C-alpha atoms as a PDB file:
ATOM      1  CA  UNK A   1       5.729  67.428 106.573  1.00  0.00           C
ATOM      2  CA  UNK A   2       8.555  66.648 108.970  1.00  0.00           C
ATOM      3  CA  UNK A   3      11.970  68.142 108.220  1.00  0.00           C
ATOM      4  CA  UNK A   4      14.673  69.725 110.321  1.00  0.00           C
ATOM      5  CA  UNK A   5      16.985  72.623 109.457  1.00  0.00           C
ATOM      6  CA  UNK A   6      19.646  70.307 108.043  1.00  0.00           C
ATOM      7  CA  UNK A   7      17.113  68.530 105.837  1.00  0.00           C
ATOM      8  CA  UNK A   8      15.816  71.878 104.540  1.00  0.00           C
ATOM      9  CA  UNK A   9      19.350  72.985 103.688  1.00  0.00           C
ATOM     10  CA  UNK A  10      19.908  69.692 101.854  1.00  0.00           C
ATOM     11  CA  UNK A  11      16.621  70.009  99.941  1.00  0.00           C
ATOM     12  CA  UNK A  12      17.463  73.570  98.920  1.00  0.00           C
ATOM     13  CA  UNK A  13      20.890  72.462  97.723  1.00  0.00           C
ATOM     14  CA  UNK A  14      19.313  69.598  95.755  1.00  0.00           C
ATOM     15  CA  UNK A  15      16.789  71.989  94.262  1.00  0.00           C
ATOM     16  CA  UNK A  16      19.614  74.291  93.134  1.00  0.00           C
ATOM     17  CA  UNK A  17      21.457  71.343  91.574  1.00  0.00           C
ATOM     18  CA  UNK A  18      18.273  70.083  89.895  1.00  0.00           C
ATOM     19  CA  UNK A  19      17.685  73.481  88.305  1.00  0.00           C
ATOM     20  CA  UNK A  20      21.279  73.554  87.067  1.00  0.00           C
ATOM     21  CA  UNK A  21      20.859  70.027  85.668  1.00  0.00           C
ATOM     22  CA  UNK A  22      17.665  71.019  83.848  1.00  0.00           C
ATOM     23  CA  UNK A  23      19.457  73.974  82.243  1.00  0.00           C
ATOM     24  CA  UNK A  24      22.563  71.971  81.359  1.00  0.00           C
ATOM     25  CA  UNK A  25      20.604  69.062  79.840  1.00  0.00           C
ATOM     26  CA  UNK A  26      18.437  71.466  77.860  1.00  0.00           C
ATOM     27  CA  UNK A  27      21.530  73.224  76.557  1.00  0.00           C
ATOM     28  CA  UNK A  28      23.099  69.873  75.652  1.00  0.00           C
ATOM     29  CA  UNK A  29      19.965  68.760  73.802  1.00  0.00           C
ATOM     30  CA  UNK A  30      19.801  72.052  71.919  1.00  0.00           C
ATOM     31  CA  UNK A  31      23.433  72.204  70.812  1.00  0.00           C
ATOM     32  CA  UNK A  32      23.342  73.157  67.104  1.00  0.00           C
ATOM     33  CA  UNK A  33      25.973  70.539  66.318  1.00  0.00           C
ATOM     34  CA  UNK A  34      23.416  67.777  66.968  1.00  0.00           C
ATOM     35  CA  UNK A  35      21.216  68.944  64.099  1.00  0.00           C
ATOM     36  CA  UNK A  36      24.270  69.643  61.945  1.00  0.00           C
ATOM     37  CA  UNK A  37      25.623  66.126  62.506  1.00  0.00           C
ATOM     38  CA  UNK A  38      22.247  64.523  61.754  1.00  0.00           C
ATOM     39  CA  UNK A  39      21.871  66.584  58.583  1.00  0.00           C
ATOM     40  CA  UNK A  40      25.408  65.940  57.320  1.00  0.00           C
ATOM     41  CA  UNK A  41      25.020  62.205  58.005  1.00  0.00           C
ATOM     42  CA  UNK A  42      21.794  62.095  55.996  1.00  0.00           C
ATOM     43  CA  UNK A  43      23.645  63.807  53.175  1.00  0.00           C
ATOM     44  CA  UNK A  44      26.555  61.401  53.600  1.00  0.00           C
ATOM     45  CA  UNK A  45      24.224  58.394  53.444  1.00  0.00           C
ATOM     46  CA  UNK A  46      22.609  59.700  50.249  1.00  0.00           C
ATOM     47  CA  UNK A  47      26.026  60.207  48.623  1.00  0.00           C
ATOM     48  CA  UNK A  48      27.204  56.764  49.772  1.00  0.00           C
ATOM     49  CA  UNK A  49      24.090  55.218  48.205  1.00  0.00           C
ATOM     50  CA  UNK A  50      24.912  56.996  44.933  1.00  0.00           C
ATOM     51  CA  UNK A  51      28.494  55.794  45.271  1.00  0.00           C
ATOM     52  CA  UNK A  52      27.286  52.195  45.652  1.00  0.00           C
ATOM     53  CA  UNK A  53      25.034  52.510  42.599  1.00  0.00           C
ATOM     54  CA  UNK A  54      27.753  54.001  40.438  1.00  0.00           C
ATOM     55  CA  UNK A  55      30.172  51.307  41.652  1.00  0.00           C
ATOM     56  CA  UNK A  56      27.673  48.660  40.505  1.00  0.00           C
ATOM     57  CA  UNK A  57      27.383  50.439  37.149  1.00  0.00           C
ATOM     58  CA  UNK A  58      31.186  50.528  36.890  1.00  0.00           C
ATOM     59  CA  UNK A  59      31.388  46.817  37.609  1.00  0.00           C
ATOM     60  CA  UNK A  60      28.783  46.035  34.944  1.00  0.00           C
ATOM     61  CA  UNK A  61      30.520  48.303  32.424  1.00  0.00           C
ATOM     62  CA  UNK A  62      33.874  46.637  33.156  1.00  0.00           C
ATOM     63  CA  UNK A  63      32.301  43.208  32.640  1.00  0.00           C
ATOM     64  CA  UNK A  64      30.706  44.329  29.368  1.00  0.00           C
ATOM     65  CA  UNK A  65      34.034  45.665  28.075  1.00  0.00           C
ATOM     66  CA  UNK A  66      35.778  42.464  29.198  1.00  0.00           C
ATOM     67  CA  UNK A  67      33.214  40.315  27.340  1.00  0.00           C
ATOM     68  CA  UNK A  68      33.772  42.341  24.163  1.00  0.00           C
ATOM     69  CA  UNK A  69      37.554  41.987  24.489  1.00  0.00           C
ATOM     70  CA  UNK A  70      37.290  38.240  25.105  1.00  0.00           C
ATOM     71  CA  UNK A  71      35.102  37.734  22.043  1.00  0.00           C
ATOM     72  CA  UNK A  72      37.403  39.876  19.917  1.00  0.00           C
ATOM     73  CA  UNK A  73      40.450  37.898  21.063  1.00  0.00           C
ATOM     74  CA  UNK A  74      38.703  34.628  20.205  1.00  0.00           C
ATOM     75  CA  UNK A  75      37.774  35.991  16.788  1.00  0.00           C
ATOM     76  CA  UNK A  76      41.319  37.233  16.229  1.00  0.00           C
ATOM     77  CA  UNK A  77      42.526  33.682  16.875  1.00  0.00           C
ATOM     78  CA  UNK A  78      39.948  32.274  14.441  1.00  0.00           C
ATOM     79  CA  UNK A  79      40.961  34.905  11.926  1.00  0.00           C
ATOM     80  CA  UNK A  80      44.598  33.806  12.087  1.00  0.00           C
ATOM     81  CA  UNK A  81      43.627  30.150  11.815  1.00  0.00           C
ATOM     82  CA  UNK A  82      41.354  30.835   8.845  1.00  0.00           C
ATOM     83  CA  UNK A  83      44.075  32.813   7.084  1.00  0.00           C
ATOM     84  CA  UNK A  84      46.484  29.926   7.578  1.00  0.00           C
ATOM     85  CA  UNK A  85      43.910  27.528   6.121  1.00  0.00           C
ATOM     86  CA  UNK A  86      43.376  29.795   3.130  1.00  0.00           C
ATOM     87  CA  UNK A  87      47.111  29.827   2.468  1.00  0.00           C
ATOM     88  CA  UNK A  88      47.230  26.034   2.781  1.00  0.00           C
ATOM     89  CA  UNK A  89      44.249  25.554   0.420  1.00  0.00           C
ATOM     90  CA  UNK A  90      45.353  27.704  -2.519  1.00  0.00           C
ATOM     91  CA  UNK A  91      44.771  24.850  -4.938  1.00  0.00           C
ATOM     92  CA  UNK A  92      41.272  24.107  -3.631  1.00  0.00           C
ATOM     93  CA  UNK A  93      39.011  26.841  -4.998  1.00  0.00           C
ATOM     94  CA  UNK A  94      35.899  25.766  -3.110  1.00  0.00           C
ATOM     95  CA  UNK A  95      37.711  25.562   0.237  1.00  0.00           C
ATOM     96  CA  UNK A  96      39.321  28.946  -0.351  1.00  0.00           C
ATOM     97  CA  UNK A  97      35.939  30.449  -1.242  1.00  0.00           C
ATOM     98  CA  UNK A  98      34.277  29.035   1.910  1.00  0.00           C
ATOM     99  CA  UNK A  99      37.182  30.107   4.109  1.00  0.00           C
ATOM    100  CA  UNK A 100      37.213  33.570   2.547  1.00  0.00           C
ATOM    101  CA  UNK A 101      33.497  33.882   3.314  1.00  0.00           C
ATOM    102  CA  UNK A 102      34.156  32.865   6.927  1.00  0.00           C
ATOM    103  CA  UNK A 103      36.981  35.395   7.051  1.00  0.00           C
ATOM    104  CA  UNK A 104      34.608  38.129   5.867  1.00  0.00           C
ATOM    105  CA  UNK A 105      32.090  37.260   8.614  1.00  0.00           C
ATOM    106  CA  UNK A 106      34.788  37.304  11.259  1.00  0.00           C
ATOM    107  CA  UNK A 107      36.142  40.635  10.026  1.00  0.00           C
ATOM    108  CA  UNK A 108      32.687  42.193  10.013  1.00  0.00           C
ATOM    109  CA  UNK A 109      31.979  40.940  13.516  1.00  0.00           C
ATOM    110  CA  UNK A 110      35.309  42.313  14.760  1.00  0.00           C
ATOM    111  CA  UNK A 111      34.485  45.697  13.264  1.00  0.00           C
ATOM    112  CA  UNK A 112      31.181  45.677  15.169  1.00  0.00           C
ATOM    113  CA  UNK A 113      33.000  44.650  18.338  1.00  0.00           C
ATOM    114  CA  UNK A 114      35.442  47.511  17.853  1.00  0.00           C
ATOM    115  CA  UNK A 115      32.527  49.944  17.764  1.00  0.00           C
ATOM    116  CA  UNK A 116      30.952  48.275  20.797  1.00  0.00           C
ATOM    117  CA  UNK A 117      34.244  48.471  22.683  1.00  0.00           C
ATOM    118  CA  UNK A 118      34.634  52.165  21.862  1.00  0.00           C
ATOM    119  CA  UNK A 119      31.116  52.767  23.162  1.00  0.00           C
ATOM    120  CA  UNK A 120      31.816  50.712  26.297  1.00  0.00           C
ATOM    121  CA  UNK A 121      35.022  52.662  26.946  1.00  0.00           C
ATOM    122  CA  UNK A 122      33.150  55.927  26.514  1.00  0.00           C
ATOM    123  CA  UNK A 123      30.575  54.793  29.057  1.00  0.00           C
ATOM    124  CA  UNK A 124      33.339  53.743  31.437  1.00  0.00           C
ATOM    125  CA  UNK A 125      34.966  57.169  31.103  1.00  0.00           C
ATOM    126  CA  UNK A 126      31.667  58.828  32.008  1.00  0.00           C
ATOM    127  CA  UNK A 127      31.207  56.538  34.991  1.00  0.00           C
ATOM    128  CA  UNK A 128      34.761  57.182  36.179  1.00  0.00           C
ATOM    129  CA  UNK A 129      34.137  60.927  35.980  1.00  0.00           C
ATOM    130  CA  UNK A 130      30.977  60.603  38.083  1.00  0.00           C
ATOM    131  CA  UNK A 131      32.840  58.354  40.539  1.00  0.00           C
ATOM    132  CA  UNK A 132      35.537  60.983  40.866  1.00  0.00           C
ATOM    133  CA  UNK A 133      32.932  63.687  41.557  1.00  0.00           C
ATOM    134  CA  UNK A 134      31.160  61.527  44.144  1.00  0.00           C
ATOM    135  CA  UNK A 135      34.435  60.676  45.876  1.00  0.00           C
ATOM    136  CA  UNK A 136      35.372  64.369  46.066  1.00  0.00           C
ATOM    137  CA  UNK A 137      31.909  65.254  47.421  1.00  0.00           C
ATOM    138  CA  UNK A 138      32.117  62.475  50.012  1.00  0.00           C
ATOM    139  CA  UNK A 139      35.556  63.635  51.156  1.00  0.00           C
ATOM    140  CA  UNK A 140      34.188  67.154  51.733  1.00  0.00           C
ATOM    141  CA  UNK A 141      31.220  65.754  53.653  1.00  0.00           C
ATOM    142  CA  UNK A 142      33.514  63.666  55.879  1.00  0.00           C
ATOM    143  CA  UNK A 143      35.615  66.758  56.642  1.00  0.00           C
ATOM    144  CA  UNK A 144      32.429  68.657  57.606  1.00  0.00           C
ATOM    145  CA  UNK A 145      31.154  65.742  59.677  1.00  0.00           C
ATOM    146  CA  UNK A 146      34.445  65.462  61.570  1.00  0.00           C
ATOM    147  CA  UNK A 147      34.408  69.206  62.261  1.00  0.00           C
ATOM    148  CA  UNK A 148      30.847  69.056  63.642  1.00  0.00           C
ATOM    149  CA  UNK A 149      31.619  65.970  65.748  1.00  0.00           C
ATOM    150  CA  UNK A 150      34.799  67.569  67.118  1.00  0.00           C
ATOM    151  CA  UNK A 151      32.914  70.744  68.007  1.00  0.00           C
ATOM    152  CA  UNK A 152      30.111  68.744  69.635  1.00  0.00           C
ATOM    153  CA  UNK A 153      32.558  66.643  71.637  1.00  0.00           C
ATOM    154  CA  UNK A 154      34.354  69.763  72.831  1.00  0.00           C
ATOM    155  CA  UNK A 155      31.247  71.695  73.895  1.00  0.00           C
ATOM    156  CA  UNK A 156      29.074  68.699  74.742  1.00  0.00           C
ATOM    157  CA  UNK A 157      31.920  67.020  76.605  1.00  0.00           C
ATOM    158  CA  UNK A 158      32.179  69.979  78.952  1.00  0.00           C
ATOM    159  CA  UNK A 159      28.439  69.934  79.547  1.00  0.00           C
ATOM    160  CA  UNK A 160      28.421  66.170  80.122  1.00  0.00           C
ATOM    161  CA  UNK A 161      31.269  66.470  82.592  1.00  0.00           C
ATOM    162  CA  UNK A 162      29.371  69.173  84.464  1.00  0.00           C
ATOM    163  CA  UNK A 163      26.189  67.086  84.429  1.00  0.00           C
ATOM    164  CA  UNK A 164      28.038  64.031  85.737  1.00  0.00           C
ATOM    165  CA  UNK A 165      29.614  66.061  88.544  1.00  0.00           C
ATOM    166  CA  UNK A 166      26.281  67.609  89.504  1.00  0.00           C
ATOM    167  CA  UNK A 167      24.522  64.232  89.479  1.00  0.00           C
ATOM    168  CA  UNK A 168      27.211  62.782  91.751  1.00  0.00           C
ATOM    169  CA  UNK A 169      26.831  65.693  94.174  1.00  0.00           C
ATOM    170  CA  UNK A 170      23.040  65.292  94.055  1.00  0.00           C
ATOM    171  CA  UNK A 171      23.312  61.578  94.859  1.00  0.00           C
ATOM    172  CA  UNK A 172      25.448  62.359  97.895  1.00  0.00           C
ATOM    173  CA  UNK A 173      22.911  64.909  99.138  1.00  0.00           C
ATOM    174  CA  UNK A 174      19.998  62.538  98.472  1.00  0.00           C
ATOM    175  CA  UNK A 175      21.686  59.802 100.504  1.00  0.00           C
ATOM    176  CA  UNK A 176      21.741  62.080 103.545  1.00  0.00           C
ATOM    177  CA  UNK A 177      17.954  62.687 103.518  1.00  0.00           C
ATOM    178  CA  UNK A 178      15.358  60.573 105.332  1.00  0.00           C
ATOM    179  CA  UNK A 179      13.953  58.037 102.855  1.00  0.00           C
ATOM    180  CA  UNK A 180      10.344  59.248 103.195  1.00  0.00           C
ATOM    181  CA  UNK A 181      11.287  62.890 102.646  1.00  0.00           C
ATOM    182  CA  UNK A 182      13.469  62.020  99.647  1.00  0.00           C
ATOM    183  CA  UNK A 183      10.702  59.904  98.087  1.00  0.00           C
ATOM    184  CA  UNK A 184       8.228  62.780  98.481  1.00  0.00           C
ATOM    185  CA  UNK A 185      10.682  65.244  96.961  1.00  0.00           C
ATOM    186  CA  UNK A 186      11.366  62.971  93.966  1.00  0.00           C
ATOM    187  CA  UNK A 187       7.633  62.326  93.402  1.00  0.00           C
ATOM    188  CA  UNK A 188       6.817  66.038  93.388  1.00  0.00           C
ATOM    189  CA  UNK A 189       9.811  66.785  91.152  1.00  0.00           C
ATOM    190  CA  UNK A 190       8.580  64.272  88.550  1.00  0.00           C
ATOM    191  CA  UNK A 191       5.120  65.851  88.550  1.00  0.00           C
ATOM    192  CA  UNK A 192       6.368  69.451  88.584  1.00  0.00           C
ATOM    193  CA  UNK A 193       8.922  69.625  85.799  1.00  0.00           C
ATOM    194  CA  UNK A 194      11.846  68.957  88.114  1.00  0.00           C
ATOM    195  CA  UNK A 195      11.084  71.852  90.474  1.00  0.00           C
ATOM    196  CA  UNK A 196       9.785  70.305  93.694  1.00  0.00           C
ATOM    197  CA  UNK A 197      10.627  73.024  96.188  1.00  0.00           C
ATOM    198  CA  UNK A 198       9.266  76.558  96.649  1.00  0.00           C
ATOM    199  CA  UNK A 199       9.418  79.247  99.333  1.00  0.00           C
ATOM    200  CA  UNK A 200       6.659  81.134 101.059  1.00  0.00           C
ATOM    201  CA  UNK A 201       7.282  84.775 100.120  1.00  0.00           C
ATOM    202  CA  UNK A 202       4.886  87.563 101.128  1.00  0.00           C
ATOM    203  CA  UNK A 203       2.016  85.132 101.388  1.00  0.00           C
ATOM    204  CA  UNK A 204       2.619  83.603  97.955  1.00  0.00           C
ATOM    205  CA  UNK A 205       4.364  80.575  96.459  1.00  0.00           C
ATOM    206  CA  UNK A 206       7.702  81.624  94.951  1.00  0.00           C
ATOM    207  CA  UNK A 207       7.296  79.179  92.038  1.00  0.00           C
ATOM    208  CA  UNK A 208       3.648  79.207  90.949  1.00  0.00           C
ATOM    209  CA  UNK A 209       3.088  82.775  92.328  1.00  0.00           C
ATOM    210  CA  UNK A 210      -0.317  81.825  93.718  1.00  0.00           C
ATOM    211  CA  UNK A 211      -1.439  83.903  96.680  1.00  0.00           C
ATOM    212  CA  UNK A 212      -2.300  81.733  99.656  1.00  0.00           C
ATOM    213  CA  UNK A 213      -5.586  82.690 101.297  1.00  0.00           C
ATOM    214  CA  UNK A 214      -5.651  83.657 104.964  1.00  0.00           C
ATOM    215  CA  UNK A 215      -7.119  80.376 106.181  1.00  0.00           C
ATOM    216  CA  UNK A 216      -4.666  78.279 104.200  1.00  0.00           C
ATOM    217  CA  UNK A 217      -1.801  80.586 105.157  1.00  0.00           C
ATOM    218  CA  UNK A 218      -2.380  79.956 108.855  1.00  0.00           C
ATOM    219  CA  UNK A 219      -2.257  76.206 108.198  1.00  0.00           C
ATOM    220  CA  UNK A 220       0.925  76.533 106.122  1.00  0.00           C
ATOM    221  CA  UNK A 221       2.593  78.620 108.815  1.00  0.00           C
ATOM    222  CA  UNK A 222       1.556  76.101 111.453  1.00  0.00           C
ATOM    223  CA  UNK A 223       3.325  73.353 109.474  1.00  0.00           C
ATOM    224  CA  UNK A 224       6.591  75.319 109.376  1.00  0.00           C
ATOM    225  CA  UNK A 225       9.340  74.821 108.475  1.00  0.00           C
ATOM    226  CA  UNK A 226       8.032  72.683 105.583  1.00  0.00           C
ATOM    227  CA  UNK A 227       4.503  72.669 104.223  1.00  0.00           C
ATOM    228  CA  UNK A 228       2.776  72.180 100.853  1.00  0.00           C
ATOM    229  CA  UNK A 229       1.630  74.860  98.409  1.00  0.00           C
ATOM    230  CA  UNK A 230      -2.185  74.551  98.171  1.00  0.00           C
ATOM    231  CA  UNK A 231      -2.055  75.569  94.494  1.00  0.00           C
ATOM    232  CA  UNK A 232       0.841  73.732  92.847  1.00  0.00           C
ATOM    233  CA  UNK A 233       1.389  71.066  95.551  1.00  0.00           C
ATOM    234  CA  UNK A 234       5.118  71.716  95.725  1.00  0.00           C
ATOM    235  CA  UNK A 235       7.025  71.483  98.982  1.00  0.00           C
ATOM    236  CA  UNK A 236       6.870  74.909 100.569  1.00  0.00           C
ATOM    237  CA  UNK A 237       9.693  76.179 102.779  1.00  0.00           C
ATOM    238  CA  UNK A 238       8.194  78.396 105.467  1.00  0.00           C
ATOM    239  CA  UNK A 239      10.388  80.947 107.248  1.00  0.00           C
ATOM    240  CA  UNK A 240      14.100  81.607 106.934  1.00  0.00           C
END
């Protein structure tokens, strides 16, 4: 594999950067705040769903109470009108009797509505209490979420900045390599977990640790300064 001293120095620098990038990206992916944020957002979503349900229940309870009040107000108006008619019909026994009967029905219905309204108000009070609890729980969750996000942005932001700087430096180094050599390096890196380059050390590959047999070793040394590890197929730097 053809490469001069400058190319080898560039490849070694790229390899160092690639190893740093692997470590930094792994650290970024494993930041505990990621899992914390995902977990707190699941919890937040569940509480928000409960909040929506209780809001719907509150709306229905408000409508029920409003319907009871409307009916009671209409009956109160009829009650007043009926009383006026009774007073106007004092000389007409039959009319008074019929109106009095109507008045009794209205009064009974209003008594029932009063009980219904009390029950509806009790239900509303319960719903309002649950709403208050949910709101308080949601506020605590939001505080936790913001704390996790802030922590992640602080730590992750530093890692991202370092990754961006390293990737820029890598791109500059890559641009200075011959296209064929760069393509080979990138291909091997993809197949080898990002580590494309190794050194020949005491007759072995510095990455896979495989000992190179005598026959293969002579071939590798003949290809110096850059050969290929017979075992792992990584680029193999031969000599200083």
